[in-house]
Amino acid sequence: MVDFSEKHFASPNSASTGWRSQHNVLRDKPGPTAHAKRRIVTGVMSTAWRLIIDDSMLKHIQKCTVTEAHRALGNDEWKLSLEDLDAFLGIRYVRGALESKGMELDLLWSEKYGVQLCQDTSRNRFREIMKYLRFDLRAKRSERLKEEKYALISDIWERFI
């Protein structure tokens, strides 16, 4: 049994090694960072959204998703605009923010229970994008997985961080 009494942990003023109370103190100030404050325009939601999902991330996801659609369909006719992809990701984000993970997807487009963002977007187009959505290029996947465990998402994850 582990003894968690005070004698096993160093006090903040002691010279011995061990846990110190300063290690457990969060020093970040709550609220938006200075970087965010400079870039967010009041009343323009897209400026806050661009701090989470930027253009380089959108373009990477677009390229991977279109490549997957072309592979699956066997032709190069399927297109995906950055606007459609942005709306798709926004809907996914709103769904999470509303804690509606268990909610039937169609209810997001419901006139009674739905979200305005969803009502401005085609449900069929949303499903189509979901079908082909990729964050990596399948052709390079096996090679990258040998080197990196999270290769399927790492490009986007690193940019997100």
Protein backbone atom coordinates (compact mmCIF):
# COMPACT_ATOMS: atom_id res chain seq x y z
CA MET A 1 0.00 0.00 0.00
CA VAL A 2 1.27 3.47 -0.92
CA ASP A 3 1.55 6.02 1.86
CA PHE A 4 0.50 9.48 0.68
CA SER A 5 1.12 11.22 3.96
CA GLU A 6 2.99 14.52 3.97
CA LYS A 7 6.29 12.95 5.06
CA HIS A 8 6.74 11.43 1.57
CA PHE A 9 6.43 14.69 -0.34
CA ALA A 10 8.71 17.67 -0.17
CA SER A 11 7.25 20.89 1.09
CA PRO A 12 7.65 23.96 -1.10
CA ASN A 13 10.39 25.28 1.17
CA SER A 14 12.38 22.06 1.59
CA ALA A 15 15.65 21.40 -0.19
CA SER A 16 14.90 17.70 -0.81
CA THR A 17 13.65 16.42 -4.14
CA GLY A 18 10.10 15.24 -4.72
CA TRP A 19 6.76 16.70 -5.58
CA ARG A 20 6.48 20.38 -4.97
CA SER A 21 3.30 22.35 -4.93
CA GLN A 22 4.62 24.72 -7.62
CA HIS A 23 4.60 21.86 -10.16
CA ASN A 24 0.85 21.60 -9.89
CA VAL A 25 0.01 25.27 -10.34
CA LEU A 26 -1.50 26.36 -13.65
CA ARG A 27 -0.08 29.77 -14.45
CA ASP A 28 -1.94 30.47 -17.72
CA LYS A 29 -4.51 33.23 -17.58
CA PRO A 30 -8.05 32.23 -18.53
CA GLY A 31 -9.58 33.57 -21.72
CA PRO A 32 -8.29 34.21 -25.22
CA THR A 33 -4.56 34.59 -25.79
CA ALA A 34 -3.10 37.83 -27.11
CA HIS A 35 -2.67 36.10 -30.49
CA ALA A 36 -6.39 35.24 -30.58
CA LYS A 37 -7.44 38.72 -29.45
CA ARG A 38 -5.50 40.29 -32.33
CA ARG A 39 -7.09 38.01 -34.92
CA ILE A 40 -10.71 37.69 -33.81
CA VAL A 41 -13.03 40.34 -35.23
CA THR A 42 -16.10 40.92 -33.05
CA GLY A 43 -19.21 39.64 -34.77
CA VAL A 44 -17.30 37.70 -37.44
CA MET A 45 -17.39 34.07 -36.28
CA SER A 46 -15.16 32.87 -39.12
CA THR A 47 -12.18 34.78 -37.65
CA ALA A 48 -12.39 32.66 -34.48
CA TRP A 49 -12.94 29.48 -36.53
CA ARG A 50 -9.76 30.20 -38.54
CA LEU A 51 -7.77 30.01 -35.29
CA ILE A 52 -8.85 26.36 -34.99
CA ILE A 53 -8.98 25.28 -38.65
CA ASP A 54 -6.73 27.27 -40.97
CA ASP A 55 -6.49 27.31 -44.77
CA SER A 56 -3.50 24.96 -44.95
CA MET A 57 -5.41 22.35 -42.93
CA LEU A 58 -8.48 22.76 -45.15
CA LYS A 59 -6.42 22.40 -48.33
CA HIS A 60 -4.69 19.26 -47.01
CA ILE A 61 -8.00 17.63 -46.03
CA GLN A 62 -9.51 18.69 -49.36
CA LYS A 63 -6.64 17.10 -51.32
CA CYS A 64 -6.81 13.84 -49.34
CA THR A 65 -10.62 13.63 -49.53
CA VAL A 66 -10.80 14.35 -53.26
CA THR A 67 -8.04 11.81 -53.92
CA GLU A 68 -10.00 9.18 -51.97
CA ALA A 69 -13.23 9.99 -53.84
CA HIS A 70 -11.47 9.68 -57.20
CA ARG A 71 -9.98 6.34 -56.15
CA ALA A 72 -13.30 4.98 -54.86
CA LEU A 73 -15.37 6.21 -57.81
CA GLY A 74 -12.81 5.30 -60.45
CA ASN A 75 -12.95 8.71 -62.10
CA ASP A 76 -11.83 12.31 -61.57
CA GLU A 77 -15.26 13.94 -61.64
CA TRP A 78 -15.96 14.39 -57.90
CA LYS A 79 -15.14 17.88 -56.62
CA LEU A 80 -14.98 19.44 -53.16
CA SER A 81 -14.80 23.17 -52.64
CA LEU A 82 -13.10 24.66 -49.60
CA GLU A 83 -16.45 26.27 -48.72
CA ASP A 84 -18.21 22.87 -48.66
CA LEU A 85 -15.43 21.34 -46.60
CA ASP A 86 -15.45 24.28 -44.19
CA ALA A 87 -19.22 23.95 -43.73
CA PHE A 88 -18.87 20.18 -43.21
CA LEU A 89 -16.22 20.65 -40.51
CA GLY A 90 -18.27 23.41 -38.92
CA ILE A 91 -21.28 21.09 -38.65
CA ARG A 92 -19.12 18.37 -37.09
CA TYR A 93 -17.75 20.91 -34.62
CA VAL A 94 -21.19 22.28 -33.73
CA ARG A 95 -22.49 18.74 -33.25
CA GLY A 96 -19.73 18.12 -30.71
CA ALA A 97 -20.22 21.50 -29.03
CA LEU A 98 -23.92 20.75 -28.63
CA GLU A 99 -23.01 17.37 -27.13
CA SER A 100 -25.31 15.76 -29.68
CA LYS A 101 -23.06 12.79 -30.47
CA GLY A 102 -25.89 10.34 -29.85
CA MET A 103 -28.43 12.47 -31.69
CA GLU A 104 -29.61 11.10 -35.01
CA LEU A 105 -27.77 13.00 -37.74
CA ASP A 106 -30.96 13.91 -39.60
CA LEU A 107 -32.21 15.90 -36.59
CA LEU A 108 -29.47 18.48 -37.22
CA TRP A 109 -31.44 19.42 -40.36
CA SER A 110 -34.82 19.30 -38.63
CA GLU A 111 -36.83 22.53 -38.72
CA LYS A 112 -37.85 22.00 -35.10
CA TYR A 113 -34.59 20.75 -33.52
CA GLY A 114 -31.99 21.63 -36.13
CA VAL A 115 -29.18 24.16 -36.20
CA GLN A 116 -29.23 27.09 -38.66
CA LEU A 117 -25.73 26.22 -39.91
CA CYS A 118 -26.98 22.78 -40.92
CA GLN A 119 -30.12 24.13 -42.57
CA ASP A 120 -27.93 26.20 -44.90
CA THR A 121 -26.06 23.07 -46.01
CA SER A 122 -27.21 20.03 -47.99
CA ARG A 123 -27.64 16.90 -45.86
CA ASN A 124 -26.81 14.71 -48.88
CA ARG A 125 -23.63 16.66 -49.56
CA PHE A 126 -22.68 16.28 -45.88
CA ARG A 127 -23.11 12.49 -46.13
CA GLU A 128 -21.14 12.39 -49.36
CA ILE A 129 -18.19 14.26 -47.85
CA MET A 130 -18.35 12.02 -44.77
CA LYS A 131 -18.07 8.96 -47.03
CA TYR A 132 -14.80 10.11 -48.62
CA LEU A 133 -13.29 12.17 -45.81
CA ARG A 134 -9.58 11.48 -45.35
CA PHE A 135 -6.74 13.21 -43.53
CA ASP A 136 -3.93 11.39 -45.32
CA LEU A 137 -3.13 10.04 -48.77
CA ARG A 138 -3.85 6.31 -48.95
CA ALA A 139 -0.98 5.74 -51.41
CA LYS A 140 1.58 6.91 -48.84
CA ARG A 141 -0.14 5.43 -45.77
CA SER A 142 1.64 2.07 -45.38
CA GLU A 143 5.04 3.71 -45.80
CA ARG A 144 4.25 6.38 -43.22
CA LEU A 145 2.73 3.90 -40.73
CA LYS A 146 6.10 2.13 -40.54
CA GLU A 147 7.63 5.33 -39.18
CA GLU A 148 4.73 6.92 -37.35
CA LYS A 149 1.91 5.31 -35.37
CA TYR A 150 -0.52 8.19 -35.96
CA ALA A 151 0.32 8.77 -39.62
CA LEU A 152 -3.34 8.87 -40.64
CA ILE A 153 -3.94 12.15 -38.81
CA SER A 154 -0.49 13.47 -37.88
CA ASP A 155 -0.25 16.20 -40.55
CA ILE A 156 -3.47 17.81 -39.38
CA TRP A 157 -2.82 17.13 -35.69
CA GLU A 158 0.58 18.85 -35.76
CA ARG A 159 -0.90 21.89 -37.47
CA PHE A 160 -3.82 21.90 -35.00
CA ILE A 161 -1.42 21.92 -32.05
